[in-house]
Amino acid sequence: MLKKCTSLTLAFSGLVMLVTSTVLYLGPAGHVSHFCPWTFLGLSRHHWGVLHLNSGMLFCLAMVVHAT
């Protein structure tokens, strides 16, 4: 049961990282987004970055649990 939950967590967090990295890549550069109020789906560039970082940490944690 633990492997199934970690596999689902890996898939979900990997999908979130894929979406957030695409948004961060296609959005305006960091120094430009400080001067204009750029948002996408209600989230600023900073919030997209935080979401990307947290899903990456969740992915790493689930990867370690899945490997053991």
PDB file of N, CA and C in Angstrom:
ATOM      1  N   MET A   1       0.818  -1.197   0.000  1.00  0.00           N
ATOM      2  CA  MET A   1       0.000   0.000   0.000  1.00  0.00           C
ATOM      3  C   MET A   1       0.864   1.264   0.000  1.00  0.00           C
ATOM      4  N   LEU A   2       2.003   1.197   0.717  1.00  0.00           N
ATOM      5  CA  LEU A   2       2.894   2.362   0.766  1.00  0.00           C
ATOM      6  C   LEU A   2       3.476   2.669  -0.610  1.00  0.00           C
ATOM      7  N   LYS A   3       3.839   1.632  -1.360  1.00  0.00           N
ATOM      8  CA  LYS A   3       4.394   1.858  -2.705  1.00  0.00           C
ATOM      9  C   LYS A   3       3.361   2.497  -3.633  1.00  0.00           C
ATOM     10  N   LYS A   4       2.090   2.104  -3.466  1.00  0.00           N
ATOM     11  CA  LYS A   4       1.055   2.692  -4.313  1.00  0.00           C
ATOM     12  C   LYS A   4       0.869   4.173  -4.007  1.00  0.00           C
ATOM     13  N   CYS A   5       0.872   4.510  -2.723  1.00  0.00           N
ATOM     14  CA  CYS A   5       0.714   5.916  -2.334  1.00  0.00           C
ATOM     15  C   CYS A   5       1.907   6.750  -2.791  1.00  0.00           C
ATOM     16  N   THR A   6       3.106   6.208  -2.649  1.00  0.00           N
ATOM     17  CA  THR A   6       4.281   6.968  -3.076  1.00  0.00           C
ATOM     18  C   THR A   6       4.332   7.091  -4.594  1.00  0.00           C
ATOM     19  N   SER A   7       3.892   6.073  -5.295  1.00  0.00           N
ATOM     20  CA  SER A   7       3.848   6.168  -6.758  1.00  0.00           C
ATOM     21  C   SER A   7       2.863   7.237  -7.210  1.00  0.00           C
ATOM     22  N   LEU A   8       1.725   7.310  -6.547  1.00  0.00           N
ATOM     23  CA  LEU A   8       0.739   8.338  -6.879  1.00  0.00           C
ATOM     24  C   LEU A   8       1.279   9.721  -6.526  1.00  0.00           C
ATOM     25  N   THR A   9       1.973   9.834  -5.407  1.00  0.00           N
ATOM     26  CA  THR A   9       2.574  11.103  -5.014  1.00  0.00           C
ATOM     27  C   THR A   9       3.654  11.526  -6.006  1.00  0.00           C
ATOM     28  N   LEU A  10       4.465  10.574  -6.466  1.00  0.00           N
ATOM     29  CA  LEU A  10       5.487  10.877  -7.470  1.00  0.00           C
ATOM     30  C   LEU A  10       4.852  11.373  -8.764  1.00  0.00           C
ATOM     31  N   ALA A  11       3.785  10.712  -9.188  1.00  0.00           N
ATOM     32  CA  ALA A  11       3.123  11.112 -10.429  1.00  0.00           C
ATOM     33  C   ALA A  11       2.503  12.501 -10.298  1.00  0.00           C
ATOM     34  N   PHE A  12       1.823  12.749  -9.187  1.00  0.00           N
ATOM     35  CA  PHE A  12       1.167  14.041  -9.000  1.00  0.00           C
ATOM     36  C   PHE A  12       2.182  15.174  -8.879  1.00  0.00           C
ATOM     37  N   SER A  13       3.209  14.990  -8.060  1.00  0.00           N
ATOM     38  CA  SER A  13       4.190  16.057  -7.881  1.00  0.00           C
ATOM     39  C   SER A  13       5.014  16.265  -9.154  1.00  0.00           C
ATOM     40  N   GLY A  14       5.271  15.197  -9.900  1.00  0.00           N
ATOM     41  CA  GLY A  14       5.964  15.343 -11.175  1.00  0.00           C
ATOM     42  C   GLY A  14       5.142  16.126 -12.182  1.00  0.00           C
ATOM     43  N   LEU A  15       3.849  15.896 -12.200  1.00  0.00           N
ATOM     44  CA  LEU A  15       2.964  16.642 -13.095  1.00  0.00           C
ATOM     45  C   LEU A  15       2.906  18.119 -12.690  1.00  0.00           C
ATOM     46  N   VAL A  16       2.850  18.387 -11.393  1.00  0.00           N
ATOM     47  CA  VAL A  16       2.841  19.772 -10.916  1.00  0.00           C
ATOM     48  C   VAL A  16       4.148  20.462 -11.289  1.00  0.00           C
ATOM     49  N   MET A  17       5.272  19.761 -11.139  1.00  0.00           N
ATOM     50  CA  MET A  17       6.560  20.354 -11.521  1.00  0.00           C
ATOM     51  C   MET A  17       6.626  20.632 -13.018  1.00  0.00           C
ATOM     52  N   LEU A  18       6.059  19.757 -13.827  1.00  0.00           N
ATOM     53  CA  LEU A  18       6.046  19.963 -15.270  1.00  0.00           C
ATOM     54  C   LEU A  18       5.247  21.221 -15.637  1.00  0.00           C
ATOM     55  N   VAL A  19       4.085  21.378 -15.040  1.00  0.00           N
ATOM     56  CA  VAL A  19       3.240  22.540 -15.330  1.00  0.00           C
ATOM     57  C   VAL A  19       3.896  23.823 -14.834  1.00  0.00           C
ATOM     58  N   THR A  20       4.401  23.814 -13.604  1.00  0.00           N
ATOM     59  CA  THR A  20       4.996  25.030 -13.056  1.00  0.00           C
ATOM     60  C   THR A  20       6.274  25.418 -13.790  1.00  0.00           C
ATOM     61  N   SER A  21       7.068  24.440 -14.202  1.00  0.00           N
ATOM     62  CA  SER A  21       8.280  24.788 -14.938  1.00  0.00           C
ATOM     63  C   SER A  21       7.942  25.363 -16.315  1.00  0.00           C
ATOM     64  N   THR A  22       6.885  24.881 -16.932  1.00  0.00           N
ATOM     65  CA  THR A  22       6.446  25.434 -18.213  1.00  0.00           C
ATOM     66  C   THR A  22       5.970  26.868 -18.046  1.00  0.00           C
ATOM     67  N   VAL A  23       5.198  27.130 -16.998  1.00  0.00           N
ATOM     68  CA  VAL A  23       4.715  28.498 -16.748  1.00  0.00           C
ATOM     69  C   VAL A  23       5.886  29.420 -16.452  1.00  0.00           C
ATOM     70  N   LEU A  24       6.840  28.975 -15.631  1.00  0.00           N
ATOM     71  CA  LEU A  24       7.987  29.810 -15.295  1.00  0.00           C
ATOM     72  C   LEU A  24       8.868  30.070 -16.514  1.00  0.00           C
ATOM     73  N   TYR A  25       8.973  29.094 -17.409  1.00  0.00           N
ATOM     74  CA  TYR A  25       9.791  29.263 -18.606  1.00  0.00           C
ATOM     75  C   TYR A  25       9.139  30.225 -19.601  1.00  0.00           C
ATOM     76  N   LEU A  26       7.826  30.106 -19.772  1.00  0.00           N
ATOM     77  CA  LEU A  26       7.125  30.926 -20.763  1.00  0.00           C
ATOM     78  C   LEU A  26       6.758  32.309 -20.239  1.00  0.00           C
ATOM     79  N   GLY A  27       6.732  32.483 -18.931  1.00  0.00           N
ATOM     80  CA  GLY A  27       6.395  33.785 -18.350  1.00  0.00           C
ATOM     81  C   GLY A  27       7.532  34.768 -18.534  1.00  0.00           C
ATOM     82  N   PRO A  28       7.292  36.027 -18.145  1.00  0.00           N
ATOM     83  CA  PRO A  28       8.356  37.033 -18.284  1.00  0.00           C
ATOM     84  C   PRO A  28       9.507  36.738 -17.330  1.00  0.00           C
ATOM     85  N   ALA A  29      10.660  37.273 -17.667  1.00  0.00           N
ATOM     86  CA  ALA A  29      11.839  37.064 -16.830  1.00  0.00           C
ATOM     87  C   ALA A  29      11.624  37.672 -15.454  1.00  0.00           C
ATOM     88  N   GLY A  30      12.429  37.237 -14.484  1.00  0.00           N
ATOM     89  CA  GLY A  30      12.254  37.663 -13.105  1.00  0.00           C
ATOM     90  C   GLY A  30      12.335  39.158 -12.914  1.00  0.00           C
ATOM     91  N   HIS A  31      13.295  39.817 -13.548  1.00  0.00           N
ATOM     92  CA  HIS A  31      13.431  41.263 -13.363  1.00  0.00           C
ATOM     93  C   HIS A  31      12.302  42.027 -14.034  1.00  0.00           C
ATOM     94  N   VAL A  32      11.703  41.484 -15.073  1.00  0.00           N
ATOM     95  CA  VAL A  32      10.574  42.137 -15.733  1.00  0.00           C
ATOM     96  C   VAL A  32       9.309  41.977 -14.893  1.00  0.00           C
ATOM     97  N   SER A  33       9.121  40.819 -14.287  1.00  0.00           N
ATOM     98  CA  SER A  33       7.898  40.583 -13.525  1.00  0.00           C
ATOM     99  C   SER A  33       7.863  41.382 -12.229  1.00  0.00           C
ATOM    100  N   HIS A  34       9.005  41.933 -11.794  1.00  0.00           N
ATOM    101  CA  HIS A  34       8.997  42.793 -10.617  1.00  0.00           C
ATOM    102  C   HIS A  34       8.382  44.153 -10.929  1.00  0.00           C
ATOM    103  N   PHE A  35       8.475  44.595 -12.181  1.00  0.00           N
ATOM    104  CA  PHE A  35       7.986  45.922 -12.552  1.00  0.00           C
ATOM    105  C   PHE A  35       6.548  45.910 -13.055  1.00  0.00           C
ATOM    106  N   CYS A  36       6.078  44.778 -13.509  1.00  0.00           N
ATOM    107  CA  CYS A  36       4.700  44.698 -13.978  1.00  0.00           C
ATOM    108  C   CYS A  36       3.960  43.651 -13.142  1.00  0.00           C
ATOM    109  N   PRO A  37       2.699  43.857 -12.888  1.00  0.00           N
ATOM    110  CA  PRO A  37       1.945  42.900 -12.070  1.00  0.00           C
ATOM    111  C   PRO A  37       1.528  41.674 -12.879  1.00  0.00           C
ATOM    112  N   TRP A  38       2.477  40.821 -13.235  1.00  0.00           N
ATOM    113  CA  TRP A  38       2.206  39.649 -14.057  1.00  0.00           C
ATOM    114  C   TRP A  38       1.630  38.528 -13.200  1.00  0.00           C
ATOM    115  N   THR A  39       0.499  38.011 -13.602  1.00  0.00           N
ATOM    116  CA  THR A  39      -0.091  36.847 -12.940  1.00  0.00           C
ATOM    117  C   THR A  39      -0.596  35.886 -14.002  1.00  0.00           C
ATOM    118  N   PHE A  40      -0.659  34.635 -13.643  1.00  0.00           N
ATOM    119  CA  PHE A  40      -1.226  33.609 -14.518  1.00  0.00           C
ATOM    120  C   PHE A  40      -2.049  32.680 -13.637  1.00  0.00           C
ATOM    121  N   LEU A  41      -3.309  32.537 -13.951  1.00  0.00           N
ATOM    122  CA  LEU A  41      -4.261  31.767 -13.155  1.00  0.00           C
ATOM    123  C   LEU A  41      -4.299  32.244 -11.711  1.00  0.00           C
ATOM    124  N   GLY A  42      -4.126  33.538 -11.515  1.00  0.00           N
ATOM    125  CA  GLY A  42      -4.214  34.135 -10.196  1.00  0.00           C
ATOM    126  C   GLY A  42      -2.961  34.049  -9.354  1.00  0.00           C
ATOM    127  N   LEU A  43      -1.878  33.492  -9.895  1.00  0.00           N
ATOM    128  CA  LEU A  43      -0.631  33.352  -9.148  1.00  0.00           C
ATOM    129  C   LEU A  43       0.463  34.201  -9.785  1.00  0.00           C
ATOM    130  N   SER A  44       1.246  34.858  -8.950  1.00  0.00           N
ATOM    131  CA  SER A  44       2.367  35.651  -9.458  1.00  0.00           C
ATOM    132  C   SER A  44       3.550  34.726  -9.750  1.00  0.00           C
ATOM    133  N   ARG A  45       4.596  35.287 -10.325  1.00  0.00           N
ATOM    134  CA  ARG A  45       5.794  34.493 -10.631  1.00  0.00           C
ATOM    135  C   ARG A  45       6.413  33.920  -9.362  1.00  0.00           C
ATOM    136  N   HIS A  46       6.395  34.701  -8.307  1.00  0.00           N
ATOM    137  CA  HIS A  46       6.933  34.230  -7.029  1.00  0.00           C
ATOM    138  C   HIS A  46       6.157  33.013  -6.525  1.00  0.00           C
ATOM    139  N   HIS A  47       4.842  33.066  -6.602  1.00  0.00           N
ATOM    140  CA  HIS A  47       4.026  31.949  -6.141  1.00  0.00           C
ATOM    141  C   HIS A  47       4.224  30.698  -7.006  1.00  0.00           C
ATOM    142  N   TRP A  48       4.397  30.882  -8.296  1.00  0.00           N
ATOM    143  CA  TRP A  48       4.681  29.741  -9.173  1.00  0.00           C
ATOM    144  C   TRP A  48       6.012  29.107  -8.795  1.00  0.00           C
ATOM    145  N   GLY A  49       7.005  29.940  -8.459  1.00  0.00           N
ATOM    146  CA  GLY A  49       8.302  29.425  -8.053  1.00  0.00           C
ATOM    147  C   GLY A  49       8.233  28.655  -6.746  1.00  0.00           C
ATOM    148  N   VAL A  50       7.456  29.177  -5.795  1.00  0.00           N
ATOM    149  CA  VAL A  50       7.290  28.490  -4.513  1.00  0.00           C
ATOM    150  C   VAL A  50       6.582  27.153  -4.714  1.00  0.00           C
ATOM    151  N   LEU A  51       5.574  27.137  -5.545  1.00  0.00           N
ATOM    152  CA  LEU A  51       4.858  25.891  -5.843  1.00  0.00           C
ATOM    153  C   LEU A  51       5.792  24.878  -6.504  1.00  0.00           C
ATOM    154  N   HIS A  52       6.633  25.344  -7.406  1.00  0.00           N
ATOM    155  CA  HIS A  52       7.595  24.473  -8.090  1.00  0.00           C
ATOM    156  C   HIS A  52       8.612  23.893  -7.093  1.00  0.00           C
ATOM    157  N   LEU A  53       9.116  24.729  -6.204  1.00  0.00           N
ATOM    158  CA  LEU A  53      10.088  24.276  -5.215  1.00  0.00           C
ATOM    159  C   LEU A  53       9.480  23.263  -4.249  1.00  0.00           C
ATOM    160  N   ASN A  54       8.292  23.534  -3.753  1.00  0.00           N
ATOM    161  CA  ASN A  54       7.658  22.620  -2.805  1.00  0.00           C
ATOM    162  C   ASN A  54       7.290  21.288  -3.447  1.00  0.00           C
ATOM    163  N   SER A  55       6.821  21.306  -4.677  1.00  0.00           N
ATOM    164  CA  SER A  55       6.512  20.038  -5.342  1.00  0.00           C
ATOM    165  C   SER A  55       7.787  19.267  -5.651  1.00  0.00           C
ATOM    166  N   GLY A  56       8.883  19.969  -5.892  1.00  0.00           N
ATOM    167  CA  GLY A  56      10.164  19.289  -6.104  1.00  0.00           C
ATOM    168  C   GLY A  56      10.670  18.616  -4.841  1.00  0.00           C
ATOM    169  N   MET A  57      10.494  19.280  -3.694  1.00  0.00           N
ATOM    170  CA  MET A  57      10.901  18.663  -2.426  1.00  0.00           C
ATOM    171  C   MET A  57      10.020  17.458  -2.102  1.00  0.00           C
ATOM    172  N   LEU A  58       8.712  17.562  -2.374  1.00  0.00           N
ATOM    173  CA  LEU A  58       7.809  16.431  -2.176  1.00  0.00           C
ATOM    174  C   LEU A  58       8.196  15.272  -3.091  1.00  0.00           C
ATOM    175  N   PHE A  59       8.570  15.584  -4.322  1.00  0.00           N
ATOM    176  CA  PHE A  59       8.997  14.559  -5.272  1.00  0.00           C
ATOM    177  C   PHE A  59      10.238  13.830  -4.765  1.00  0.00           C
ATOM    178  N   CYS A  60      11.219  14.583  -4.267  1.00  0.00           N
ATOM    179  CA  CYS A  60      12.448  13.966  -3.753  1.00  0.00           C
ATOM    180  C   CYS A  60      12.165  13.087  -2.536  1.00  0.00           C
ATOM    181  N   LEU A  61      11.323  13.562  -1.643  1.00  0.00           N
ATOM    182  CA  LEU A  61      10.982  12.778  -0.461  1.00  0.00           C
ATOM    183  C   LEU A  61      10.258  11.492  -0.852  1.00  0.00           C
ATOM    184  N   ALA A  62       9.300  11.590  -1.760  1.00  0.00           N
ATOM    185  CA  ALA A  62       8.574  10.400  -2.208  1.00  0.00           C
ATOM    186  C   ALA A  62       9.488   9.448  -2.963  1.00  0.00           C
ATOM    187  N   MET A  63      10.474   9.978  -3.676  1.00  0.00           N
ATOM    188  CA  MET A  63      11.404   9.130  -4.401  1.00  0.00           C
ATOM    189  C   MET A  63      12.253   8.305  -3.424  1.00  0.00           C
ATOM    190  N   VAL A  64      12.688   8.926  -2.337  1.00  0.00           N
ATOM    191  CA  VAL A  64      13.473   8.210  -1.342  1.00  0.00           C
ATOM    192  C   VAL A  64      12.625   7.130  -0.665  1.00  0.00           C
ATOM    193  N   VAL A  65      11.377   7.464  -0.315  1.00  0.00           N
ATOM    194  CA  VAL A  65      10.502   6.491   0.322  1.00  0.00           C
ATOM    195  C   VAL A  65      10.195   5.347  -0.640  1.00  0.00           C
ATOM    196  N   HIS A  66      10.007   5.646  -1.883  1.00  0.00           N
ATOM    197  CA  HIS A  66       9.685   4.618  -2.882  1.00  0.00           C
ATOM    198  C   HIS A  66      10.882   3.691  -3.125  1.00  0.00           C
ATOM    199  N   ALA A  67      12.077   4.232  -3.043  1.00  0.00           N
ATOM    200  CA  ALA A  67      13.274   3.426  -3.319  1.00  0.00           C
ATOM    201  C   ALA A  67      13.615   2.481  -2.164  1.00  0.00           C
ATOM    202  N   THR A  68      13.165   2.805  -0.971  1.00  0.00           N
ATOM    203  CA  THR A  68      13.504   1.935   0.171  1.00  0.00           C
ATOM    204  C   THR A  68      12.520   0.828   0.344  1.00  0.00           C
TER     205      THR A  68
END
